[in-house]
Amino acid sequence: MPPDEALSIDLGSILHILVGFISRFSDPVSYRIRVKFCALCDSICHRTDTLTLRKDDLSRNRIIDIVMDWFQDPTSVCPPSSGLQIMTQISQNTDPEAIQFQYELNFASLRTVVKLLERLKLQPIDNNANDGDDSGHVVSRLFIRYSHGLLRALDICQSDPIVSRS
């Protein structure tokens, strides 16, 4: 394929379909697939000379929304208590491998969301749902949602304890 034709292919809609399919599965084994998807997105965002992911495409916003839903705090399944007790409860009640998968997914998702948000043109995702708000308010709500999602992800990633690999 000539390089000019490769640059004209937009991967946003393909990635949106793929992330929608991957997100249907919620068992811890599927977290590895999610991490690989994040690596694919990172690679596409990094290689702008040969691969195209448009910054004004709505599918990019939809991908960000789905990947932001992948952030989970593994300690949320345990009742609140001191940090040491939480680690003990996690190791007793949950598979350590599943916890490690979730930590890896949290970091991979955070990296991917940051790369997808880089120079993203904020625009309303649903153009038909204009309920009297002008586009400025819709865009500001979208900005607030993304910023709160990133802050939540940072909190989750900073609270991840170091899990020893055996």
Protein backbone atom coordinates (compact mmCIF):
# COMPACT_ATOMS: atom_id res chain seq x y z
CA MET A 1 0.00 0.00 0.00
CA PRO A 2 1.38 3.41 -0.87
CA PRO A 3 2.18 5.62 2.14
CA ASP A 4 -0.37 8.23 1.05
CA GLU A 5 -3.18 5.69 1.26
CA ALA A 6 -2.06 4.51 4.70
CA LEU A 7 -2.24 8.07 6.02
CA SER A 8 -5.80 8.46 4.77
CA ILE A 9 -7.12 5.51 6.80
CA ASP A 10 -8.64 6.66 10.08
CA LEU A 11 -8.35 4.04 12.80
CA GLY A 12 -10.75 5.76 15.21
CA SER A 13 -13.88 3.88 14.19
CA ILE A 14 -12.04 0.55 14.11
CA LEU A 15 -10.63 1.13 17.60
CA HIS A 16 -14.08 2.19 18.85
CA ILE A 17 -15.62 -1.07 17.64
CA LEU A 18 -12.74 -3.07 19.12
CA VAL A 19 -12.89 -1.35 22.53
CA GLY A 20 -16.65 -1.88 22.62
CA PHE A 21 -16.15 -5.59 22.04
CA ILE A 22 -13.35 -5.89 24.60
CA SER A 23 -15.30 -4.04 27.28
CA ARG A 24 -18.11 -6.61 27.15
CA PHE A 25 -15.92 -9.03 29.10
CA SER A 26 -15.33 -8.27 32.75
CA ASP A 27 -13.47 -11.26 34.17
CA PRO A 28 -9.88 -10.64 35.35
CA VAL A 29 -8.45 -12.74 32.52
CA SER A 30 -9.78 -10.21 30.02
CA TYR A 31 -7.70 -7.50 31.71
CA ARG A 32 -4.67 -8.69 29.77
CA ILE A 33 -6.56 -8.06 26.53
CA ARG A 34 -7.46 -4.58 27.78
CA VAL A 35 -3.80 -3.88 28.57
CA LYS A 36 -2.86 -5.00 25.04
CA PHE A 37 -5.54 -2.71 23.60
CA CYS A 38 -4.07 0.18 25.59
CA ALA A 39 -0.63 -0.66 24.15
CA LEU A 40 -2.16 -0.64 20.66
CA CYS A 41 -3.67 2.81 21.24
CA ASP A 42 -0.36 4.08 22.63
CA SER A 43 1.43 2.80 19.55
CA ILE A 44 -1.07 4.42 17.20
CA CYS A 45 -0.82 7.75 19.04
CA HIS A 46 2.97 7.57 18.98
CA ARG A 47 3.32 6.69 15.28
CA THR A 48 1.53 9.64 13.73
CA ASP A 49 3.69 9.42 10.61
CA THR A 50 2.21 6.10 9.46
CA LEU A 51 -1.03 5.69 11.44
CA THR A 52 -3.86 8.17 11.78
CA LEU A 53 -6.15 8.73 14.72
CA ARG A 54 -7.90 12.03 14.11
CA LYS A 55 -8.04 14.48 16.98
CA ASP A 56 -11.49 15.78 16.08
CA ASP A 57 -13.18 12.41 15.61
CA LEU A 58 -16.04 11.55 17.96
CA SER A 59 -14.93 7.92 18.13
CA ARG A 60 -11.84 9.09 20.00
CA ASN A 61 -14.08 10.63 22.68
CA ARG A 62 -16.05 7.39 22.91
CA ILE A 63 -12.86 5.35 23.28
CA ILE A 64 -11.75 7.62 26.12
CA ASP A 65 -15.11 7.16 27.87
CA ILE A 66 -14.87 3.38 27.70
CA VAL A 67 -11.22 3.21 28.78
CA MET A 68 -11.94 5.55 31.70
CA ASP A 69 -14.53 3.04 32.89
CA TRP A 70 -11.77 0.43 33.21
CA PHE A 71 -10.22 2.18 36.22
CA GLN A 72 -11.00 0.21 39.37
CA ASP A 73 -9.69 0.31 42.88
CA PRO A 74 -8.97 -3.31 43.87
CA THR A 75 -9.35 -2.37 47.53
CA SER A 76 -12.95 -1.27 47.01
CA VAL A 77 -14.23 -4.83 47.38
CA CYS A 78 -12.93 -4.91 50.96
CA PRO A 79 -14.54 -3.10 53.89
CA PRO A 80 -12.66 0.08 54.89
CA SER A 81 -9.96 -0.46 57.48
CA SER A 82 -6.29 0.27 57.97
CA GLY A 83 -3.87 -0.20 55.08
CA LEU A 84 -2.22 -3.31 56.48
CA GLN A 85 -5.57 -4.96 57.12
CA ILE A 86 -6.70 -4.12 53.60
CA MET A 87 -3.63 -5.83 52.15
CA THR A 88 -4.31 -8.88 54.32
CA GLN A 89 -7.96 -8.96 53.24
CA ILE A 90 -7.04 -8.57 49.59
CA SER A 91 -4.57 -11.41 49.73
CA GLN A 92 -7.10 -13.64 51.50
CA ASN A 93 -10.25 -12.80 49.53
CA THR A 94 -8.95 -12.18 46.02
CA ASP A 95 -6.60 -13.88 43.64
CA PRO A 96 -3.24 -12.00 43.78
CA GLU A 97 -2.84 -12.50 40.04
CA ALA A 98 -6.18 -10.75 39.42
CA ILE A 99 -5.05 -7.86 41.62
CA GLN A 100 -1.82 -7.57 39.65
CA PHE A 101 -3.80 -7.59 36.38
CA GLN A 102 -5.95 -4.74 37.71
CA TYR A 103 -2.87 -2.70 38.71
CA GLU A 104 -1.38 -3.17 35.25
CA LEU A 105 -4.71 -2.25 33.65
CA ASN A 106 -4.99 0.90 35.76
CA PHE A 107 -1.56 2.16 34.67
CA ALA A 108 -2.04 1.17 31.03
CA SER A 109 -5.45 2.84 30.94
CA LEU A 110 -4.07 6.01 32.50
CA ARG A 111 -1.26 6.22 29.94
CA THR A 112 -3.71 5.61 27.10
CA VAL A 113 -6.25 8.17 28.27
CA VAL A 114 -3.53 10.80 28.61
CA LYS A 115 -2.28 10.09 25.10
CA LEU A 116 -5.78 10.10 23.64
CA LEU A 117 -6.60 13.38 25.38
CA GLU A 118 -3.49 15.07 24.02
CA ARG A 119 -4.65 17.90 21.72
CA LEU A 120 -8.14 16.42 21.55
CA LYS A 121 -10.75 18.78 20.21
CA LEU A 122 -13.47 18.86 22.83
CA GLN A 123 -16.88 18.66 21.22
CA PRO A 124 -20.28 17.30 22.20
CA ILE A 125 -20.38 13.53 21.77
CA ASP A 126 -24.10 13.37 21.09
CA ASN A 127 -24.94 16.08 18.56
CA ASN A 128 -28.68 15.32 18.64
CA ALA A 129 -29.11 15.86 22.38
CA ASN A 130 -29.06 19.65 22.44
CA ASP A 131 -31.34 20.39 25.37
CA GLY A 132 -31.03 24.17 25.29
CA ASP A 133 -27.39 24.30 26.40
CA ASP A 134 -25.04 26.01 24.07
CA SER A 135 -21.99 24.13 22.93
CA GLY A 136 -19.77 26.04 25.38
CA HIS A 137 -21.56 24.53 28.36
CA VAL A 138 -21.48 21.06 26.84
CA VAL A 139 -17.76 21.34 26.18
CA SER A 140 -17.06 22.63 29.69
CA ARG A 141 -18.99 19.70 31.19
CA LEU A 142 -16.99 17.35 28.99
CA PHE A 143 -13.76 18.96 30.22
CA ILE A 144 -14.88 18.60 33.84
CA ARG A 145 -15.80 14.95 33.29
CA TYR A 146 -12.41 14.17 31.74
CA SER A 147 -10.49 16.05 34.41
CA HIS A 148 -12.39 14.32 37.23
CA GLY A 149 -11.78 10.97 35.54
CA LEU A 150 -8.06 11.66 35.32
CA LEU A 151 -7.87 12.77 38.95
CA ARG A 152 -9.75 9.64 40.02
CA ALA A 153 -7.35 7.51 37.98
CA LEU A 154 -4.35 9.23 39.55
CA ASP A 155 -5.75 8.56 43.02
CA ILE A 156 -6.31 4.91 42.17
CA CYS A 157 -2.85 4.49 40.67
CA GLN A 158 -1.14 6.21 43.60
CA SER A 159 -2.99 4.05 46.10
CA ASP A 160 -1.91 0.85 44.39
CA PRO A 161 0.35 -1.03 46.79
CA ILE A 162 3.40 -2.76 45.46
CA VAL A 163 2.61 -6.40 44.86
CA SER A 164 5.58 -8.74 45.06
CA ARG A 165 6.03 -10.97 42.08
CA SER A 166 6.71 -14.56 42.93
